PDB file of N, CA and C in Angstrom:
ATOM      1  N   MET A   1     -37.868 -70.604 -27.894  1.00  0.00           N
ATOM      2  CA  MET A   1     -38.485 -69.338 -28.240  1.00  0.00           C
ATOM      3  C   MET A   1     -39.431 -68.952 -27.113  1.00  0.00           C
ATOM      4  N   GLY A   2     -39.285 -67.747 -26.609  1.00  0.00           N
ATOM      5  CA  GLY A   2     -40.143 -67.278 -25.536  1.00  0.00           C
ATOM      6  C   GLY A   2     -41.374 -66.579 -26.085  1.00  0.00           C
ATOM      7  N   LEU A   3     -42.496 -67.250 -26.018  1.00  0.00           N
ATOM      8  CA  LEU A   3     -43.716 -66.662 -26.552  1.00  0.00           C
ATOM      9  C   LEU A   3     -44.173 -65.441 -25.759  1.00  0.00           C
ATOM     10  N   PHE A   4     -43.907 -65.444 -24.479  1.00  0.00           N
ATOM     11  CA  PHE A   4     -44.390 -64.354 -23.648  1.00  0.00           C
ATOM     12  C   PHE A   4     -43.295 -63.372 -23.249  1.00  0.00           C
ATOM     13  N   SER A   5     -42.124 -63.552 -23.776  1.00  0.00           N
ATOM     14  CA  SER A   5     -41.050 -62.612 -23.445  1.00  0.00           C
ATOM     15  C   SER A   5     -41.229 -61.341 -24.251  1.00  0.00           C
ATOM     16  N   ARG A   6     -40.741 -60.290 -23.719  1.00  0.00           N
ATOM     17  CA  ARG A   6     -40.847 -58.994 -24.398  1.00  0.00           C
ATOM     18  C   ARG A   6     -39.526 -58.663 -25.057  1.00  0.00           C
ATOM     19  N   ARG A   7     -39.638 -58.081 -26.217  1.00  0.00           N
ATOM     20  CA  ARG A   7     -38.427 -57.658 -26.901  1.00  0.00           C
ATOM     21  C   ARG A   7     -37.963 -56.355 -26.289  1.00  0.00           C
ATOM     22  N   ARG A   8     -36.727 -56.303 -26.003  1.00  0.00           N
ATOM     23  CA  ARG A   8     -36.157 -55.085 -25.434  1.00  0.00           C
ATOM     24  C   ARG A   8     -35.272 -54.445 -26.480  1.00  0.00           C
ATOM     25  N   SER A   9     -35.401 -53.134 -26.578  1.00  0.00           N
ATOM     26  CA  SER A   9     -34.550 -52.443 -27.537  1.00  0.00           C
ATOM     27  C   SER A   9     -33.139 -52.375 -26.984  1.00  0.00           C
ATOM     28  N   SER A  10     -32.201 -52.233 -27.867  1.00  0.00           N
ATOM     29  CA  SER A  10     -30.804 -52.189 -27.434  1.00  0.00           C
ATOM     30  C   SER A  10     -30.484 -50.858 -26.762  1.00  0.00           C
ATOM     31  N   THR A  11     -31.289 -49.845 -27.034  1.00  0.00           N
ATOM     32  CA  THR A  11     -31.065 -48.559 -26.391  1.00  0.00           C
ATOM     33  C   THR A  11     -31.944 -48.464 -25.154  1.00  0.00           C
ATOM     34  N   SER A  12     -31.406 -47.870 -24.152  1.00  0.00           N
ATOM     35  CA  SER A  12     -32.137 -47.743 -22.889  1.00  0.00           C
ATOM     36  C   SER A  12     -32.593 -46.301 -22.724  1.00  0.00           C
ATOM     37  N   ASP A  13     -33.862 -46.121 -22.360  1.00  0.00           N
ATOM     38  CA  ASP A  13     -34.330 -44.778 -22.086  1.00  0.00           C
ATOM     39  C   ASP A  13     -34.525 -44.621 -20.579  1.00  0.00           C
ATOM     40  N   ALA A  14     -34.940 -43.464 -20.142  1.00  0.00           N
ATOM     41  CA  ALA A  14     -35.055 -43.154 -18.715  1.00  0.00           C
ATOM     42  C   ALA A  14     -36.071 -44.038 -18.008  1.00  0.00           C
ATOM     43  N   SER A  15     -37.097 -44.499 -18.710  1.00  0.00           N
ATOM     44  CA  SER A  15     -38.112 -45.312 -18.064  1.00  0.00           C
ATOM     45  C   SER A  15     -37.599 -46.716 -17.733  1.00  0.00           C
ATOM     46  N   ASP A  16     -36.514 -47.154 -18.371  1.00  0.00           N
ATOM     47  CA  ASP A  16     -35.947 -48.469 -18.099  1.00  0.00           C
ATOM     48  C   ASP A  16     -35.069 -48.482 -16.853  1.00  0.00           C
ATOM     49  N   VAL A  17     -34.621 -47.328 -16.434  1.00  0.00           N
ATOM     50  CA  VAL A  17     -33.725 -47.238 -15.298  1.00  0.00           C
ATOM     51  C   VAL A  17     -34.540 -47.325 -14.014  1.00  0.00           C
ATOM     52  N   PRO A  18     -34.252 -48.316 -13.172  1.00  0.00           N
ATOM     53  CA  PRO A  18     -35.015 -48.418 -11.926  1.00  0.00           C
ATOM     54  C   PRO A  18     -34.686 -47.254 -11.000  1.00  0.00           C
ATOM     55  N   THR A  19     -35.703 -46.742 -10.338  1.00  0.00           N
ATOM     56  CA  THR A  19     -35.472 -45.638  -9.413  1.00  0.00           C
ATOM     57  C   THR A  19     -35.200 -46.199  -8.035  1.00  0.00           C
ATOM     58  N   SER A  20     -34.348 -45.524  -7.311  1.00  0.00           N
ATOM     59  CA  SER A  20     -34.056 -45.957  -5.960  1.00  0.00           C
ATOM     60  C   SER A  20     -35.195 -45.551  -5.038  1.00  0.00           C
ATOM     61  N   ASP A  21     -35.266 -46.209  -3.897  1.00  0.00           N
ATOM     62  CA  ASP A  21     -36.298 -45.862  -2.920  1.00  0.00           C
ATOM     63  C   ASP A  21     -36.159 -44.411  -2.483  1.00  0.00           C
ATOM     64  N   ARG A  22     -34.927 -43.988  -2.318  1.00  0.00           N
ATOM     65  CA  ARG A  22     -34.682 -42.611  -1.883  1.00  0.00           C
ATOM     66  C   ARG A  22     -35.158 -41.613  -2.930  1.00  0.00           C
ATOM     67  N   ALA A  23     -34.881 -41.869  -4.197  1.00  0.00           N
ATOM     68  CA  ALA A  23     -35.309 -40.975  -5.278  1.00  0.00           C
ATOM     69  C   ALA A  23     -36.829 -40.944  -5.371  1.00  0.00           C
ATOM     70  N   ALA A  24     -37.455 -42.108  -5.226  1.00  0.00           N
ATOM     71  CA  ALA A  24     -38.924 -42.172  -5.271  1.00  0.00           C
ATOM     72  C   ALA A  24     -39.525 -41.408  -4.103  1.00  0.00           C
ATOM     73  N   ARG A  25     -38.942 -41.559  -2.924  1.00  0.00           N
ATOM     74  CA  ARG A  25     -39.426 -40.856  -1.736  1.00  0.00           C
ATOM     75  C   ARG A  25     -39.282 -39.341  -1.908  1.00  0.00           C
ATOM     76  N   GLU A  26     -38.137 -38.916  -2.406  1.00  0.00           N
ATOM     77  CA  GLU A  26     -37.907 -37.483  -2.618  1.00  0.00           C
ATOM     78  C   GLU A  26     -38.875 -36.918  -3.654  1.00  0.00           C
ATOM     79  N   ALA A  27     -39.141 -37.682  -4.711  1.00  0.00           N
ATOM     80  CA  ALA A  27     -40.083 -37.232  -5.741  1.00  0.00           C
ATOM     81  C   ALA A  27     -41.494 -37.108  -5.171  1.00  0.00           C
ATOM     82  N   THR A  28     -41.884 -38.063  -4.329  1.00  0.00           N
ATOM     83  CA  THR A  28     -43.209 -38.019  -3.704  1.00  0.00           C
ATOM     84  C   THR A  28     -43.340 -36.817  -2.793  1.00  0.00           C
ATOM     85  N   VAL A  29     -42.346 -36.606  -1.951  1.00  0.00           N
ATOM     86  CA  VAL A  29     -42.378 -35.464  -1.024  1.00  0.00           C
ATOM     87  C   VAL A  29     -42.379 -34.158  -1.807  1.00  0.00           C
ATOM     88  N   ALA A  30     -41.602 -34.069  -2.863  1.00  0.00           N
ATOM     89  CA  ALA A  30     -41.561 -32.849  -3.681  1.00  0.00           C
ATOM     90  C   ALA A  30     -42.926 -32.591  -4.326  1.00  0.00           C
ATOM     91  N   HIS A  31     -43.564 -33.630  -4.840  1.00  0.00           N
ATOM     92  CA  HIS A  31     -44.872 -33.471  -5.472  1.00  0.00           C
ATOM     93  C   HIS A  31     -45.907 -32.989  -4.458  1.00  0.00           C
ATOM     94  N   LEU A  32     -45.943 -33.629  -3.296  1.00  0.00           N
ATOM     95  CA  LEU A  32     -46.923 -33.256  -2.281  1.00  0.00           C
ATOM     96  C   LEU A  32     -46.661 -31.848  -1.747  1.00  0.00           C
ATOM     97  N   THR A  33     -45.405 -31.510  -1.561  1.00  0.00           N
ATOM     98  CA  THR A  33     -45.048 -30.162  -1.101  1.00  0.00           C
ATOM     99  C   THR A  33     -45.487 -29.120  -2.117  1.00  0.00           C
ATOM    100  N   ASP A  34     -45.244 -29.391  -3.389  1.00  0.00           N
ATOM    101  CA  ASP A  34     -45.656 -28.468  -4.442  1.00  0.00           C
ATOM    102  C   ASP A  34     -47.172 -28.327  -4.485  1.00  0.00           C
ATOM    103  N   PHE A  35     -47.891 -29.424  -4.310  1.00  0.00           N
ATOM    104  CA  PHE A  35     -49.352 -29.380  -4.305  1.00  0.00           C
ATOM    105  C   PHE A  35     -49.854 -28.489  -3.174  1.00  0.00           C
ATOM    106  N   VAL A  36     -49.295 -28.664  -1.986  1.00  0.00           N
ATOM    107  CA  VAL A  36     -49.707 -27.860  -0.824  1.00  0.00           C
ATOM    108  C   VAL A  36     -49.359 -26.390  -1.027  1.00  0.00           C
ATOM    109  N   ARG A  37     -48.192 -26.132  -1.591  1.00  0.00           N
ATOM    110  CA  ARG A  37     -47.723 -24.759  -1.780  1.00  0.00           C
ATOM    111  C   ARG A  37     -48.534 -24.000  -2.831  1.00  0.00           C
ATOM    112  N   THR A  38     -49.067 -24.711  -3.818  1.00  0.00           N
ATOM    113  CA  THR A  38     -49.736 -24.042  -4.940  1.00  0.00           C
ATOM    114  C   THR A  38     -51.262 -24.081  -4.870  1.00  0.00           C
ATOM    115  N   ARG A  39     -51.808 -24.658  -3.802  1.00  0.00           N
ATOM    116  CA  ARG A  39     -53.266 -24.702  -3.634  1.00  0.00           C
ATOM    117  C   ARG A  39     -53.670 -24.153  -2.279  1.00  0.00           C
ATOM    118  N   VAL A  40     -54.935 -23.812  -2.157  1.00  0.00           N
ATOM    119  CA  VAL A  40     -55.462 -23.219  -0.931  1.00  0.00           C
ATOM    120  C   VAL A  40     -56.227 -24.276  -0.133  1.00  0.00           C
ATOM    121  N   GLY A  41     -56.067 -24.247   1.180  1.00  0.00           N
ATOM    122  CA  GLY A  41     -56.871 -25.074   2.074  1.00  0.00           C
ATOM    123  C   GLY A  41     -56.700 -26.569   1.912  1.00  0.00           C
ATOM    124  N   VAL A  42     -55.489 -27.017   1.704  1.00  0.00           N
ATOM    125  CA  VAL A  42     -55.247 -28.444   1.474  1.00  0.00           C
ATOM    126  C   VAL A  42     -55.336 -29.216   2.788  1.00  0.00           C
ATOM    127  N   GLU A  43     -56.001 -30.377   2.713  1.00  0.00           N
ATOM    128  CA  GLU A  43     -56.097 -31.293   3.840  1.00  0.00           C
ATOM    129  C   GLU A  43     -55.632 -32.670   3.378  1.00  0.00           C
ATOM    130  N   ALA A  44     -55.088 -33.449   4.314  1.00  0.00           N
ATOM    131  CA  ALA A  44     -54.606 -34.796   4.007  1.00  0.00           C
ATOM    132  C   ALA A  44     -55.570 -35.830   4.555  1.00  0.00           C
ATOM    133  N   TYR A  45     -55.818 -36.866   3.765  1.00  0.00           N
ATOM    134  CA  TYR A  45     -56.660 -37.993   4.171  1.00  0.00           C
ATOM    135  C   TYR A  45     -55.842 -39.264   3.996  1.00  0.00           C
ATOM    136  N   VAL A  46     -55.650 -40.001   5.080  1.00  0.00           N
ATOM    137  CA  VAL A  46     -54.865 -41.230   5.035  1.00  0.00           C
ATOM    138  C   VAL A  46     -55.793 -42.386   4.696  1.00  0.00           C
ATOM    139  N   GLU A  47     -55.456 -43.089   3.608  1.00  0.00           N
ATOM    140  CA  GLU A  47     -56.240 -44.238   3.163  1.00  0.00           C
ATOM    141  C   GLU A  47     -55.492 -45.515   3.542  1.00  0.00           C
ATOM    142  N   PRO A  48     -56.179 -46.481   4.145  1.00  0.00           N
ATOM    143  CA  PRO A  48     -55.497 -47.699   4.599  1.00  0.00           C
ATOM    144  C   PRO A  48     -55.059 -48.584   3.442  1.00  0.00           C
ATOM    145  N   ALA A  49     -54.123 -49.446   3.746  1.00  0.00           N
ATOM    146  CA  ALA A  49     -53.683 -50.441   2.754  1.00  0.00           C
ATOM    147  C   ALA A  49     -54.812 -51.432   2.513  1.00  0.00           C
ATOM    148  N   THR A  50     -54.884 -51.919   1.284  1.00  0.00           N
ATOM    149  CA  THR A  50     -55.861 -52.955   0.925  1.00  0.00           C
ATOM    150  C   THR A  50     -55.094 -54.144   0.347  1.00  0.00           C
ATOM    151  N   ASN A  51     -55.815 -55.137  -0.121  1.00  0.00           N
ATOM    152  CA  ASN A  51     -55.155 -56.269  -0.773  1.00  0.00           C
ATOM    153  C   ASN A  51     -54.492 -55.865  -2.075  1.00  0.00           C
ATOM    154  N   VAL A  52     -54.943 -54.750  -2.636  1.00  0.00           N
ATOM    155  CA  VAL A  52     -54.468 -54.318  -3.946  1.00  0.00           C
ATOM    156  C   VAL A  52     -53.478 -53.157  -3.869  1.00  0.00           C
ATOM    157  N   THR A  53     -53.664 -52.261  -2.907  1.00  0.00           N
ATOM    158  CA  THR A  53     -52.825 -51.069  -2.836  1.00  0.00           C
ATOM    159  C   THR A  53     -52.174 -50.911  -1.476  1.00  0.00           C
ATOM    160  N   GLN A  54     -51.099 -50.136  -1.475  1.00  0.00           N
ATOM    161  CA  GLN A  54     -50.434 -49.767  -0.230  1.00  0.00           C
ATOM    162  C   GLN A  54     -51.225 -48.657   0.455  1.00  0.00           C
ATOM    163  N   THR A  55     -50.777 -48.267   1.635  1.00  0.00           N
ATOM    164  CA  THR A  55     -51.338 -47.100   2.302  1.00  0.00           C
ATOM    165  C   THR A  55     -51.072 -45.890   1.416  1.00  0.00           C
ATOM    166  N   THR A  56     -52.055 -45.012   1.287  1.00  0.00           N
ATOM    167  CA  THR A  56     -51.891 -43.807   0.480  1.00  0.00           C
ATOM    168  C   THR A  56     -52.318 -42.590   1.265  1.00  0.00           C
ATOM    169  N   VAL A  57     -51.831 -41.443   0.814  1.00  0.00           N
ATOM    170  CA  VAL A  57     -52.280 -40.177   1.377  1.00  0.00           C
ATOM    171  C   VAL A  57     -52.922 -39.400   0.232  1.00  0.00           C
ATOM    172  N   LEU A  58     -54.121 -38.913   0.482  1.00  0.00           N
ATOM    173  CA  LEU A  58     -54.887 -38.145  -0.493  1.00  0.00           C
ATOM    174  C   LEU A  58     -54.897 -36.699  -0.024  1.00  0.00           C
ATOM    175  N   LEU A  59     -54.389 -35.794  -0.840  1.00  0.00           N
ATOM    176  CA  LEU A  59     -54.435 -34.367  -0.518  1.00  0.00           C
ATOM    177  C   LEU A  59     -55.576 -33.742  -1.307  1.00  0.00           C
ATOM    178  N   VAL A  60     -56.432 -32.996  -0.610  1.00  0.00           N
ATOM    179  CA  VAL A  60     -57.595 -32.374  -1.243  1.00  0.00           C
ATOM    180  C   VAL A  60     -57.568 -30.882  -0.948  1.00  0.00           C
ATOM    181  N   ALA A  61     -57.641 -30.067  -2.006  1.00  0.00           N
ATOM    182  CA  ALA A  61     -57.667 -28.614  -1.866  1.00  0.00           C
ATOM    183  C   ALA A  61     -59.106 -28.141  -1.651  1.00  0.00           C
ATOM    184  N   THR A  62     -59.268 -26.852  -1.363  1.00  0.00           N
ATOM    185  CA  THR A  62     -60.581 -26.270  -1.107  1.00  0.00           C
ATOM    186  C   THR A  62     -61.546 -26.467  -2.268  1.00  0.00           C
ATOM    187  N   ASP A  63     -61.051 -26.361  -3.498  1.00  0.00           N
ATOM    188  CA  ASP A  63     -61.930 -26.517  -4.666  1.00  0.00           C
ATOM    189  C   ASP A  63     -62.191 -27.979  -5.023  1.00  0.00           C
ATOM    190  N   GLY A  64     -61.584 -28.920  -4.285  1.00  0.00           N
ATOM    191  CA  GLY A  64     -61.795 -30.334  -4.538  1.00  0.00           C
ATOM    192  C   GLY A  64     -60.704 -30.982  -5.360  1.00  0.00           C
ATOM    193  N   GLU A  65     -59.813 -30.169  -5.942  1.00  0.00           N
ATOM    194  CA  GLU A  65     -58.703 -30.743  -6.698  1.00  0.00           C
ATOM    195  C   GLU A  65     -57.894 -31.624  -5.754  1.00  0.00           C
ATOM    196  N   TRP A  66     -57.372 -32.736  -6.268  1.00  0.00           N
ATOM    197  CA  TRP A  66     -56.709 -33.685  -5.382  1.00  0.00           C
ATOM    198  C   TRP A  66     -55.532 -34.361  -6.043  1.00  0.00           C
ATOM    199  N   THR A  67     -54.715 -34.969  -5.187  1.00  0.00           N
ATOM    200  CA  THR A  67     -53.626 -35.821  -5.630  1.00  0.00           C
ATOM    201  C   THR A  67     -53.469 -36.930  -4.613  1.00  0.00           C
ATOM    202  N   ARG A  68     -52.994 -38.076  -5.071  1.00  0.00           N
ATOM    203  CA  ARG A  68     -52.830 -39.240  -4.187  1.00  0.00           C
ATOM    204  C   ARG A  68     -51.462 -39.846  -4.434  1.00  0.00           C
ATOM    205  N   ARG A  69     -50.789 -40.221  -3.348  1.00  0.00           N
ATOM    206  CA  ARG A  69     -49.487 -40.875  -3.453  1.00  0.00           C
ATOM    207  C   ARG A  69     -49.384 -41.995  -2.428  1.00  0.00           C
ATOM    208  N   ARG A  70     -48.627 -43.024  -2.765  1.00  0.00           N
ATOM    209  CA  ARG A  70     -48.369 -44.122  -1.831  1.00  0.00           C
ATOM    210  C   ARG A  70     -47.407 -43.657  -0.747  1.00  0.00           C
ATOM    211  N   VAL A  71     -47.609 -44.177   0.446  1.00  0.00           N
ATOM    212  CA  VAL A  71     -46.703 -43.943   1.571  1.00  0.00           C
ATOM    213  C   VAL A  71     -46.457 -45.291   2.251  1.00  0.00           C
ATOM    214  N   PRO A  72     -45.372 -45.427   2.988  1.00  0.00           N
ATOM    215  CA  PRO A  72     -45.082 -46.723   3.617  1.00  0.00           C
ATOM    216  C   PRO A  72     -46.142 -47.181   4.610  1.00  0.00           C
ATOM    217  N   ASP A  73     -46.664 -46.235   5.421  1.00  0.00           N
ATOM    218  CA  ASP A  73     -47.666 -46.598   6.425  1.00  0.00           C
ATOM    219  C   ASP A  73     -48.372 -45.336   6.921  1.00  0.00           C
ATOM    220  N   ALA A  74     -49.406 -45.525   7.736  1.00  0.00           N
ATOM    221  CA  ALA A  74     -50.199 -44.395   8.229  1.00  0.00           C
ATOM    222  C   ALA A  74     -49.382 -43.416   9.078  1.00  0.00           C
ATOM    223  N   PRO A  75     -48.538 -43.887  10.011  1.00  0.00           N
ATOM    224  CA  PRO A  75     -47.745 -42.920  10.786  1.00  0.00           C
ATOM    225  C   PRO A  75     -46.850 -42.035   9.912  1.00  0.00           C
ATOM    226  N   THR A  76     -46.332 -42.595   8.831  1.00  0.00           N
ATOM    227  CA  THR A  76     -45.512 -41.802   7.905  1.00  0.00           C
ATOM    228  C   THR A  76     -46.368 -40.731   7.232  1.00  0.00           C
ATOM    229  N   ALA A  77     -47.589 -41.074   6.857  1.00  0.00           N
ATOM    230  CA  ALA A  77     -48.494 -40.111   6.231  1.00  0.00           C
ATOM    231  C   ALA A  77     -48.826 -38.974   7.200  1.00  0.00           C
ATOM    232  N   VAL A  78     -49.072 -39.325   8.451  1.00  0.00           N
ATOM    233  CA  VAL A  78     -49.378 -38.309   9.469  1.00  0.00           C
ATOM    234  C   VAL A  78     -48.170 -37.408   9.684  1.00  0.00           C
ATOM    235  N   LYS A  79     -47.002 -38.014   9.766  1.00  0.00           N
ATOM    236  CA  LYS A  79     -45.766 -37.241   9.954  1.00  0.00           C
ATOM    237  C   LYS A  79     -45.544 -36.271   8.787  1.00  0.00           C
ATOM    238  N   LEU A  80     -45.792 -36.754   7.580  1.00  0.00           N
ATOM    239  CA  LEU A  80     -45.634 -35.919   6.384  1.00  0.00           C
ATOM    240  C   LEU A  80     -46.619 -34.756   6.397  1.00  0.00           C
ATOM    241  N   ALA A  81     -47.878 -35.020   6.730  1.00  0.00           N
ATOM    242  CA  ALA A  81     -48.892 -33.961   6.776  1.00  0.00           C
ATOM    243  C   ALA A  81     -48.527 -32.910   7.830  1.00  0.00           C
ATOM    244  N   ARG A  82     -48.052 -33.366   8.950  1.00  0.00           N
ATOM    245  CA  ARG A  82     -47.646 -32.418  10.004  1.00  0.00           C
ATOM    246  C   ARG A  82     -46.448 -31.599   9.565  1.00  0.00           C
ATOM    247  N   ALA A  83     -45.517 -32.225   8.839  1.00  0.00           N
ATOM    248  CA  ALA A  83     -44.361 -31.488   8.314  1.00  0.00           C
ATOM    249  C   ALA A  83     -44.810 -30.434   7.296  1.00  0.00           C
ATOM    250  N   LEU A  84     -45.865 -30.749   6.536  1.00  0.00           N
ATOM    251  CA  LEU A  84     -46.406 -29.800   5.557  1.00  0.00           C
ATOM    252  C   LEU A  84     -47.346 -28.786   6.215  1.00  0.00           C
ATOM    253  N   GLU A  85     -47.598 -28.985   7.511  1.00  0.00           N
ATOM    254  CA  GLU A  85     -48.453 -28.100   8.301  1.00  0.00           C
ATOM    255  C   GLU A  85     -49.879 -28.019   7.751  1.00  0.00           C
ATOM    256  N   ILE A  86     -50.435 -29.207   7.465  1.00  0.00           N
ATOM    257  CA  ILE A  86     -51.817 -29.293   6.999  1.00  0.00           C
ATOM    258  C   ILE A  86     -52.577 -30.262   7.898  1.00  0.00           C
ATOM    259  N   PRO A  87     -53.898 -30.088   8.001  1.00  0.00           N
ATOM    260  CA  PRO A  87     -54.692 -31.034   8.796  1.00  0.00           C
ATOM    261  C   PRO A  87     -54.655 -32.427   8.172  1.00  0.00           C
ATOM    262  N   VAL A  88     -54.702 -33.436   9.027  1.00  0.00           N
ATOM    263  CA  VAL A  88     -54.670 -34.814   8.537  1.00  0.00           C
ATOM    264  C   VAL A  88     -55.804 -35.592   9.192  1.00  0.00           C
ATOM    265  N   TYR A  89     -56.483 -36.414   8.375  1.00  0.00           N
ATOM    266  CA  TYR A  89     -57.631 -37.190   8.835  1.00  0.00           C
ATOM    267  C   TYR A  89     -57.484 -38.639   8.396  1.00  0.00           C
ATOM    268  N   ASP A  90     -58.067 -39.528   9.165  1.00  0.00           N
ATOM    269  CA  ASP A  90     -58.151 -40.943   8.798  1.00  0.00           C
ATOM    270  C   ASP A  90     -59.447 -41.111   8.005  1.00  0.00           C
ATOM    271  N   VAL A  91     -59.339 -41.476   6.757  1.00  0.00           N
ATOM    272  CA  VAL A  91     -60.510 -41.551   5.884  1.00  0.00           C
ATOM    273  C   VAL A  91     -61.515 -42.593   6.373  1.00  0.00           C
ATOM    274  N   GLN A  92     -61.069 -43.590   7.120  1.00  0.00           N
ATOM    275  CA  GLN A  92     -61.995 -44.585   7.655  1.00  0.00           C
ATOM    276  C   GLN A  92     -62.881 -43.996   8.748  1.00  0.00           C
ATOM    277  N   ARG A  93     -62.415 -42.949   9.390  1.00  0.00           N
ATOM    278  CA  ARG A  93     -63.205 -42.312  10.453  1.00  0.00           C
ATOM    279  C   ARG A  93     -64.021 -41.130   9.951  1.00  0.00           C
ATOM    280  N   THR A  94     -63.453 -40.368   9.034  1.00  0.00           N
ATOM    281  CA  THR A  94     -64.126 -39.138   8.595  1.00  0.00           C
ATOM    282  C   THR A  94     -64.834 -39.290   7.260  1.00  0.00           C
ATOM    283  N   GLY A  95     -64.419 -40.241   6.452  1.00  0.00           N
ATOM    284  CA  GLY A  95     -64.939 -40.344   5.098  1.00  0.00           C
ATOM    285  C   GLY A  95     -64.250 -39.328   4.195  1.00  0.00           C
ATOM    286  N   TYR A  96     -64.607 -39.361   2.929  1.00  0.00           N
ATOM    287  CA  TYR A  96     -64.034 -38.423   1.966  1.00  0.00           C
ATOM    288  C   TYR A  96     -64.827 -37.123   2.000  1.00  0.00           C
ATOM    289  N   PRO A  97     -64.161 -35.987   1.775  1.00  0.00           N
ATOM    290  CA  PRO A  97     -64.892 -34.714   1.793  1.00  0.00           C
ATOM    291  C   PRO A  97     -65.815 -34.577   0.576  1.00  0.00           C
ATOM    292  N   GLN A  98     -66.945 -33.915   0.766  1.00  0.00           N
ATOM    293  CA  GLN A  98     -67.910 -33.732  -0.316  1.00  0.00           C
ATOM    294  C   GLN A  98     -67.298 -32.963  -1.479  1.00  0.00           C
ATOM    295  N   ARG A  99     -66.435 -32.002  -1.189  1.00  0.00           N
ATOM    296  CA  ARG A  99     -65.829 -31.206  -2.274  1.00  0.00           C
ATOM    297  C   ARG A  99     -64.997 -32.083  -3.202  1.00  0.00           C
ATOM    298  N   TRP A 100     -64.420 -33.162  -2.688  1.00  0.00           N
ATOM    299  CA  TRP A 100     -63.661 -34.108  -3.499  1.00  0.00           C
ATOM    300  C   TRP A 100     -64.595 -34.840  -4.458  1.00  0.00           C
ATOM    301  N   ARG A 101     -65.721 -35.308  -3.941  1.00  0.00           N
ATOM    302  CA  ARG A 101     -66.704 -35.997  -4.797  1.00  0.00           C
ATOM    303  C   ARG A 101     -67.278 -35.040  -5.837  1.00  0.00           C
ATOM    304  N   ASP A 102     -67.567 -33.800  -5.422  1.00  0.00           N
ATOM    305  CA  ASP A 102     -68.104 -32.807  -6.361  1.00  0.00           C
ATOM    306  C   ASP A 102     -67.108 -32.506  -7.476  1.00  0.00           C
ATOM    307  N   TYR A 103     -65.834 -32.369  -7.138  1.00  0.00           N
ATOM    308  CA  TYR A 103     -64.792 -32.109  -8.125  1.00  0.00           C
ATOM    309  C   TYR A 103     -64.719 -33.262  -9.127  1.00  0.00           C
ATOM    310  N   ASN A 104     -64.732 -34.495  -8.624  1.00  0.00           N
ATOM    311  CA  ASN A 104     -64.679 -35.659  -9.514  1.00  0.00           C
ATOM    312  C   ASN A 104     -65.887 -35.714 -10.436  1.00  0.00           C
ATOM    313  N   GLU A 105     -67.045 -35.352  -9.914  1.00  0.00           N
ATOM    314  CA  GLU A 105     -68.254 -35.322 -10.746  1.00  0.00           C
ATOM    315  C   GLU A 105     -68.141 -34.257 -11.836  1.00  0.00           C
ATOM    316  N   ARG A 106     -67.635 -33.075 -11.489  1.00  0.00           N
ATOM    317  CA  ARG A 106     -67.444 -32.009 -12.491  1.00  0.00           C
ATOM    318  C   ARG A 106     -66.466 -32.453 -13.571  1.00  0.00           C
ATOM    319  N   GLN A 107     -65.399 -33.140 -13.177  1.00  0.00           N
ATOM    320  CA  GLN A 107     -64.416 -33.619 -14.145  1.00  0.00           C
ATOM    321  C   GLN A 107     -65.028 -34.678 -15.063  1.00  0.00           C
ATOM    322  N   ARG A 108     -65.842 -35.553 -14.495  1.00  0.00           N
ATOM    323  CA  ARG A 108     -66.501 -36.597 -15.293  1.00  0.00           C
ATOM    324  C   ARG A 108     -67.426 -35.968 -16.332  1.00  0.00           C
ATOM    325  N   ILE A 109     -68.194 -34.965 -15.914  1.00  0.00           N
ATOM    326  CA  ILE A 109     -69.114 -34.283 -16.835  1.00  0.00           C
ATOM    327  C   ILE A 109     -68.318 -33.572 -17.933  1.00  0.00           C
ATOM    328  N   GLU A 110     -67.226 -32.925 -17.561  1.00  0.00           N
ATOM    329  CA  GLU A 110     -66.393 -32.230 -18.541  1.00  0.00           C
ATOM    330  C   GLU A 110     -65.797 -33.195 -19.560  1.00  0.00           C
ATOM    331  N   ARG A 111     -65.317 -34.336 -19.107  1.00  0.00           N
ATOM    332  CA  ARG A 111     -64.762 -35.338 -20.031  1.00  0.00           C
ATOM    333  C   ARG A 111     -65.848 -35.840 -20.984  1.00  0.00           C
ATOM    334  N   LYS A 112     -67.039 -36.030 -20.444  1.00  0.00           N
ATOM    335  CA  LYS A 112     -68.144 -36.500 -21.269  1.00  0.00           C
ATOM    336  C   LYS A 112     -68.494 -35.479 -22.357  1.00  0.00           C
ATOM    337  N   ARG A 113     -68.445 -34.214 -22.011  1.00  0.00           N
ATOM    338  CA  ARG A 113     -68.729 -33.138 -22.986  1.00  0.00           C
ATOM    339  C   ARG A 113     -67.719 -33.113 -24.113  1.00  0.00           C
ATOM    340  N   THR A 114     -66.450 -33.325 -23.777  1.00  0.00           N
ATOM    341  CA  THR A 114     -65.415 -33.250 -24.808  1.00  0.00           C
ATOM    342  C   THR A 114     -65.459 -34.454 -25.740  1.00  0.00           C
ATOM    343  N   ILE A 115     -65.985 -35.568 -25.251  1.00  0.00           N
ATOM    344  CA  ILE A 115     -66.090 -36.768 -26.100  1.00  0.00           C
ATOM    345  C   ILE A 115     -67.225 -36.623 -27.103  1.00  0.00           C
ATOM    346  N   VAL A 116     -68.321 -36.050 -26.667  1.00  0.00           N
ATOM    347  CA  VAL A 116     -69.514 -35.953 -27.530  1.00  0.00           C
ATOM    348  C   VAL A 116     -69.393 -34.870 -28.522  1.00  0.00           C
TER     349      VAL A 116
END
């Protein structure tokens, strides 16, 4: 008897199907492209790999709204930002933009209001 095994249902849903690298890459590029197309003043910030996470690219709009996605490496992130025709920065050199921190603070306050 497997105490730590998980029971699997006999029916398979979409979340059980492994995605291919190509499909994941296309989904990431589509998401980032849509973010750039639907927001104003988007800039890319390349975040280095850590012991816990891969290299990521953080896109930040003028109002501070943001999205983050994993990328294979920093040159790929730079290439992607250039393809999207947006400025790209190394977060280790420039730091995070203040508008990003301000946006996160506004979101935190809003979440706190809805809980209380």
